[in-house]
Each structure stands twice: as C-alpha cells, then as structure tokens.
Amino acid sequence: LVQPGGSLRLSCAASGIIIFSIHAMG
C-alpha cells in the first residue's frame, strides 16, 4: 500500500527458464 505520488520497487525471480537471457521479460 502506497500513497499517491509514492514509489515501490517490484522484483520477480524466475526459475526453470533454461536460458533466461534470451527471453524478453515483461
């Protein structure tokens, strides 16, 4: 929960993708 004007940083850890670097991530 954040107030309008605030900031957050999201993270996403991926596993099971053999060659992660070749994929576009969104």
PDB file of all heavy atoms in Angstrom:
ATOM      1  N   LEU A   1       0.851  -1.191   0.000  1.00  0.00           N
ATOM      2  CA  LEU A   1       0.000   0.000   0.000  1.00  0.00           C
ATOM      3  C   LEU A   1       0.885   1.240   0.000  1.00  0.00           C
ATOM      4  O   LEU A   1       1.795   1.354   0.835  1.00  0.00           O
ATOM      5  CB  LEU A   1      -0.902  -0.011   1.236  1.00  0.00           C
ATOM      6  CG  LEU A   1      -1.752   1.234   1.488  1.00  0.00           C
ATOM      7  CD1 LEU A   1      -2.742   1.438   0.346  1.00  0.00           C
ATOM      8  CD2 LEU A   1      -2.469   1.125   2.822  1.00  0.00           C
ATOM      9  N   VAL A   2       0.617   2.138  -0.907  1.00  0.00           N
ATOM     10  CA  VAL A   2       1.417   3.355  -1.014  1.00  0.00           C
ATOM     11  C   VAL A   2       0.491   4.524  -1.335  1.00  0.00           C
ATOM     12  O   VAL A   2      -0.545   4.350  -1.994  1.00  0.00           O
ATOM     13  CB  VAL A   2       2.517   3.193  -2.082  1.00  0.00           C
ATOM     14  CG1 VAL A   2       1.915   2.966  -3.456  1.00  0.00           C
ATOM     15  CG2 VAL A   2       3.490   4.354  -2.079  1.00  0.00           C
ATOM     16  N   GLN A   3       0.858   5.686  -0.865  1.00  0.00           N
ATOM     17  CA  GLN A   3       0.066   6.882  -1.156  1.00  0.00           C
ATOM     18  C   GLN A   3       0.337   7.386  -2.560  1.00  0.00           C
ATOM     19  O   GLN A   3       1.419   7.142  -3.123  1.00  0.00           O
ATOM     20  CB  GLN A   3       0.403   7.976  -0.141  1.00  0.00           C
ATOM     21  CG  GLN A   3      -0.058   7.667   1.275  1.00  0.00           C
ATOM     22  CD  GLN A   3       0.160   8.833   2.218  1.00  0.00           C
ATOM     23  OE1 GLN A   3       0.958   9.725   1.952  1.00  0.00           O
ATOM     24  NE2 GLN A   3      -0.569   8.837   3.322  1.00  0.00           N
ATOM     25  N   PRO A   4      -0.616   8.092  -3.138  1.00  0.00           N
ATOM     26  CA  PRO A   4      -0.373   8.699  -4.451  1.00  0.00           C
ATOM     27  C   PRO A   4       0.897   9.546  -4.431  1.00  0.00           C
ATOM     28  O   PRO A   4       1.150  10.282  -3.462  1.00  0.00           O
ATOM     29  CB  PRO A   4      -1.616   9.553  -4.676  1.00  0.00           C
ATOM     30  CG  PRO A   4      -2.685   8.848  -3.898  1.00  0.00           C
ATOM     31  CD  PRO A   4      -1.995   8.327  -2.676  1.00  0.00           C
ATOM     32  N   GLY A   5       1.697   9.402  -5.477  1.00  0.00           N
ATOM     33  CA  GLY A   5       2.975  10.097  -5.553  1.00  0.00           C
ATOM     34  C   GLY A   5       4.136   9.303  -5.008  1.00  0.00           C
ATOM     35  O   GLY A   5       5.294   9.696  -5.173  1.00  0.00           O
ATOM     36  N   GLY A   6       3.841   8.200  -4.361  1.00  0.00           N
ATOM     37  CA  GLY A   6       4.878   7.377  -3.762  1.00  0.00           C
ATOM     38  C   GLY A   6       5.553   6.456  -4.759  1.00  0.00           C
ATOM     39  O   GLY A   6       5.253   6.476  -5.957  1.00  0.00           O
ATOM     40  N   SER A   7       6.464   5.639  -4.229  1.00  0.00           N
ATOM     41  CA  SER A   7       7.251   4.729  -5.057  1.00  0.00           C
ATOM     42  C   SER A   7       7.258   3.329  -4.480  1.00  0.00           C
ATOM     43  O   SER A   7       7.131   3.142  -3.262  1.00  0.00           O
ATOM     44  CB  SER A   7       8.701   5.228  -5.153  1.00  0.00           C
ATOM     45  OG  SER A   7       8.776   6.490  -5.761  1.00  0.00           O
ATOM     46  N   LEU A   8       7.432   2.368  -5.368  1.00  0.00           N
ATOM     47  CA  LEU A   8       7.633   0.976  -4.990  1.00  0.00           C
ATOM     48  C   LEU A   8       8.595   0.349  -5.981  1.00  0.00           C
ATOM     49  O   LEU A   8       8.658   0.776  -7.140  1.00  0.00           O
ATOM     50  CB  LEU A   8       6.320   0.179  -5.002  1.00  0.00           C
ATOM     51  CG  LEU A   8       5.345   0.352  -3.839  1.00  0.00           C
ATOM     52  CD1 LEU A   8       4.063  -0.408  -4.140  1.00  0.00           C
ATOM     53  CD2 LEU A   8       5.947  -0.110  -2.532  1.00  0.00           C
ATOM     54  N   ARG A   9       9.287  -0.681  -5.532  1.00  0.00           N
ATOM     55  CA  ARG A   9      10.152  -1.455  -6.421  1.00  0.00           C
ATOM     56  C   ARG A   9       9.723  -2.916  -6.341  1.00  0.00           C
ATOM     57  O   ARG A   9       9.786  -3.532  -5.284  1.00  0.00           O
ATOM     58  CB  ARG A   9      11.615  -1.321  -6.025  1.00  0.00           C
ATOM     59  CG  ARG A   9      12.569  -1.953  -7.040  1.00  0.00           C
ATOM     60  CD  ARG A   9      13.979  -1.988  -6.533  1.00  0.00           C
ATOM     61  NE  ARG A   9      14.949  -2.309  -7.575  1.00  0.00           N
ATOM     62  CZ  ARG A   9      16.043  -3.032  -7.375  1.00  0.00           C
ATOM     63  NH1 ARG A   9      16.294  -3.533  -6.175  1.00  0.00           N
ATOM     64  NH2 ARG A   9      16.881  -3.264  -8.373  1.00  0.00           N
ATOM     65  N   LEU A  10       9.308  -3.432  -7.475  1.00  0.00           N
ATOM     66  CA  LEU A  10       8.898  -4.828  -7.572  1.00  0.00           C
ATOM     67  C   LEU A  10      10.058  -5.686  -8.058  1.00  0.00           C
ATOM     68  O   LEU A  10      10.895  -5.227  -8.838  1.00  0.00           O
ATOM     69  CB  LEU A  10       7.717  -4.981  -8.523  1.00  0.00           C
ATOM     70  CG  LEU A  10       6.490  -4.095  -8.270  1.00  0.00           C
ATOM     71  CD1 LEU A  10       5.390  -4.452  -9.262  1.00  0.00           C
ATOM     72  CD2 LEU A  10       6.010  -4.210  -6.852  1.00  0.00           C
ATOM     73  N   SER A  11      10.073  -6.927  -7.599  1.00  0.00           N
ATOM     74  CA  SER A  11      11.069  -7.893  -8.046  1.00  0.00           C
ATOM     75  C   SER A  11      10.370  -9.154  -8.523  1.00  0.00           C
ATOM     76  O   SER A  11       9.291  -9.499  -8.040  1.00  0.00           O
ATOM     77  CB  SER A  11      12.029  -8.251  -6.908  1.00  0.00           C
ATOM     78  OG  SER A  11      12.732  -7.133  -6.443  1.00  0.00           O
ATOM     79  N   CYS A  12      11.011  -9.837  -9.457  1.00  0.00           N
ATOM     80  CA  CYS A  12      10.474 -11.104  -9.950  1.00  0.00           C
ATOM     81  C   CYS A  12      11.637 -12.066 -10.144  1.00  0.00           C
ATOM     82  O   CYS A  12      12.522 -11.803 -10.959  1.00  0.00           O
ATOM     83  CB  CYS A  12       9.730 -10.904 -11.256  1.00  0.00           C
ATOM     84  SG  CYS A  12       9.293 -12.449 -12.081  1.00  0.00           S
ATOM     85  N   ALA A  13      11.600 -13.149  -9.402  1.00  0.00           N
ATOM     86  CA  ALA A  13      12.625 -14.184  -9.517  1.00  0.00           C
ATOM     87  C   ALA A  13      12.093 -15.314 -10.384  1.00  0.00           C
ATOM     88  O   ALA A  13      11.015 -15.854 -10.129  1.00  0.00           O
ATOM     89  CB  ALA A  13      13.000 -14.700  -8.140  1.00  0.00           C
ATOM     90  N   ALA A  14      12.844 -15.643 -11.410  1.00  0.00           N
ATOM     91  CA  ALA A  14      12.436 -16.685 -12.348  1.00  0.00           C
ATOM     92  C   ALA A  14      13.310 -17.920 -12.170  1.00  0.00           C
ATOM     93  O   ALA A  14      14.516 -17.813 -11.960  1.00  0.00           O
ATOM     94  CB  ALA A  14      12.558 -16.181 -13.781  1.00  0.00           C
ATOM     95  N   SER A  15      12.675 -19.083 -12.245  1.00  0.00           N
ATOM     96  CA  SER A  15      13.423 -20.331 -12.231  1.00  0.00           C
ATOM     97  C   SER A  15      12.800 -21.268 -13.250  1.00  0.00           C
ATOM     98  O   SER A  15      11.637 -21.100 -13.628  1.00  0.00           O
ATOM     99  CB  SER A  15      13.413 -20.972 -10.843  1.00  0.00           C
ATOM    100  OG  SER A  15      12.097 -21.279 -10.441  1.00  0.00           O
ATOM    101  N   GLY A  16      13.591 -22.205 -13.713  1.00  0.00           N
ATOM    102  CA  GLY A  16      13.082 -23.151 -14.683  1.00  0.00           C
ATOM    103  C   GLY A  16      13.184 -22.667 -16.120  1.00  0.00           C
ATOM    104  O   GLY A  16      12.838 -23.397 -17.050  1.00  0.00           O
ATOM    105  N   ILE A  17      13.636 -21.443 -16.325  1.00  0.00           N
ATOM    106  CA  ILE A  17      13.890 -20.934 -17.678  1.00  0.00           C
ATOM    107  C   ILE A  17      15.367 -21.182 -17.951  1.00  0.00           C
ATOM    108  O   ILE A  17      16.231 -20.562 -17.332  1.00  0.00           O
ATOM    109  CB  ILE A  17      13.567 -19.438 -17.787  1.00  0.00           C
ATOM    110  CG1 ILE A  17      12.082 -19.203 -17.489  1.00  0.00           C
ATOM    111  CG2 ILE A  17      13.917 -18.923 -19.180  1.00  0.00           C
ATOM    112  CD1 ILE A  17      11.677 -17.744 -17.500  1.00  0.00           C
ATOM    113  N   ILE A  18      15.633 -22.098 -18.870  1.00  0.00           N
ATOM    114  CA  ILE A  18      16.997 -22.589 -19.041  1.00  0.00           C
ATOM    115  C   ILE A  18      17.960 -21.477 -19.445  1.00  0.00           C
ATOM    116  O   ILE A  18      19.034 -21.310 -18.864  1.00  0.00           O
ATOM    117  CB  ILE A  18      17.028 -23.746 -20.058  1.00  0.00           C
ATOM    118  CG1 ILE A  18      16.207 -24.926 -19.519  1.00  0.00           C
ATOM    119  CG2 ILE A  18      18.467 -24.162 -20.332  1.00  0.00           C
ATOM    120  CD1 ILE A  18      16.065 -26.067 -20.493  1.00  0.00           C
ATOM    121  N   ILE A  19      17.585 -20.719 -20.457  1.00  0.00           N
ATOM    122  CA  ILE A  19      18.438 -19.609 -20.892  1.00  0.00           C
ATOM    123  C   ILE A  19      17.647 -18.330 -20.716  1.00  0.00           C
ATOM    124  O   ILE A  19      16.990 -17.846 -21.630  1.00  0.00           O
ATOM    125  CB  ILE A  19      18.893 -19.787 -22.352  1.00  0.00           C
ATOM    126  CG1 ILE A  19      19.516 -21.171 -22.555  1.00  0.00           C
ATOM    127  CG2 ILE A  19      19.897 -18.702 -22.716  1.00  0.00           C
ATOM    128  CD1 ILE A  19      19.936 -21.458 -23.974  1.00  0.00           C
ATOM    129  N   PHE A  20      17.706 -17.787 -19.521  1.00  0.00           N
ATOM    130  CA  PHE A  20      16.897 -16.614 -19.170  1.00  0.00           C
ATOM    131  C   PHE A  20      17.209 -15.428 -20.063  1.00  0.00           C
ATOM    132  O   PHE A  20      16.321 -14.693 -20.491  1.00  0.00           O
ATOM    133  CB  PHE A  20      17.174 -16.265 -17.701  1.00  0.00           C
ATOM    134  CG  PHE A  20      16.457 -15.054 -17.185  1.00  0.00           C
ATOM    135  CD1 PHE A  20      15.141 -15.139 -16.769  1.00  0.00           C
ATOM    136  CD2 PHE A  20      17.100 -13.816 -17.096  1.00  0.00           C
ATOM    137  CE1 PHE A  20      14.470 -14.038 -16.276  1.00  0.00           C
ATOM    138  CE2 PHE A  20      16.448 -12.709 -16.603  1.00  0.00           C
ATOM    139  CZ  PHE A  20      15.120 -12.820 -16.191  1.00  0.00           C
ATOM    140  N   SER A  21      18.479 -15.272 -20.400  1.00  0.00           N
ATOM    141  CA  SER A  21      18.918 -14.050 -21.082  1.00  0.00           C
ATOM    142  C   SER A  21      18.371 -13.895 -22.493  1.00  0.00           C
ATOM    143  O   SER A  21      18.374 -12.789 -23.031  1.00  0.00           O
ATOM    144  CB  SER A  21      20.443 -14.004 -21.109  1.00  0.00           C
ATOM    145  OG  SER A  21      20.958 -15.126 -21.805  1.00  0.00           O
ATOM    146  N   ILE A  22      17.899 -14.975 -23.105  1.00  0.00           N
ATOM    147  CA  ILE A  22      17.435 -14.846 -24.482  1.00  0.00           C
ATOM    148  C   ILE A  22      15.980 -14.403 -24.571  1.00  0.00           C
ATOM    149  O   ILE A  22      15.485 -14.124 -25.657  1.00  0.00           O
ATOM    150  CB  ILE A  22      17.606 -16.164 -25.268  1.00  0.00           C
ATOM    151  CG1 ILE A  22      16.649 -17.248 -24.746  1.00  0.00           C
ATOM    152  CG2 ILE A  22      19.050 -16.616 -25.253  1.00  0.00           C
ATOM    153  CD1 ILE A  22      16.628 -18.482 -25.612  1.00  0.00           C
ATOM    154  N   HIS A  23      15.315 -14.351 -23.417  1.00  0.00           N
ATOM    155  CA  HIS A  23      13.895 -14.002 -23.406  1.00  0.00           C
ATOM    156  C   HIS A  23      13.679 -12.527 -23.118  1.00  0.00           C
ATOM    157  O   HIS A  23      14.318 -11.960 -22.216  1.00  0.00           O
ATOM    158  CB  HIS A  23      13.149 -14.810 -22.345  1.00  0.00           C
ATOM    159  CG  HIS A  23      13.091 -16.278 -22.630  1.00  0.00           C
ATOM    160  ND1 HIS A  23      12.161 -16.839 -23.480  1.00  0.00           N
ATOM    161  CD2 HIS A  23      13.864 -17.294 -22.211  1.00  0.00           C
ATOM    162  CE1 HIS A  23      12.354 -18.141 -23.544  1.00  0.00           C
ATOM    163  NE2 HIS A  23      13.388 -18.456 -22.783  1.00  0.00           N
ATOM    164  N   ALA A  24      12.771 -11.921 -23.854  1.00  0.00           N
ATOM    165  CA  ALA A  24      12.267 -10.625 -23.434  1.00  0.00           C
ATOM    166  C   ALA A  24      11.414 -10.854 -22.197  1.00  0.00           C
ATOM    167  O   ALA A  24      10.622 -11.792 -22.146  1.00  0.00           O
ATOM    168  CB  ALA A  24      11.424  -9.999 -24.535  1.00  0.00           C
ATOM    169  N   MET A  25      11.592 -10.017 -21.208  1.00  0.00           N
ATOM    170  CA  MET A  25      10.837 -10.137 -19.962  1.00  0.00           C
ATOM    171  C   MET A  25       9.947  -8.920 -19.785  1.00  0.00           C
ATOM    172  O   MET A  25      10.354  -7.793 -20.062  1.00  0.00           O
ATOM    173  CB  MET A  25      11.775 -10.264 -18.765  1.00  0.00           C
ATOM    174  CG  MET A  25      12.587 -11.546 -18.758  1.00  0.00           C
ATOM    175  SD  MET A  25      11.578 -13.044 -18.672  1.00  0.00           S
ATOM    176  CE  MET A  25      10.717 -12.830 -17.119  1.00  0.00           C
ATOM    177  N   GLY A  26       8.756  -9.165 -19.297  1.00  0.00           N
ATOM    178  CA  GLY A  26       7.805  -8.079 -19.146  1.00  0.00           C
ATOM    179  C   GLY A  26       7.129  -8.068 -17.794  1.00  0.00           C
ATOM    180  O   GLY A  26       7.089  -9.082 -17.094  1.00  0.00           O
TER     181      GLY A  26
END
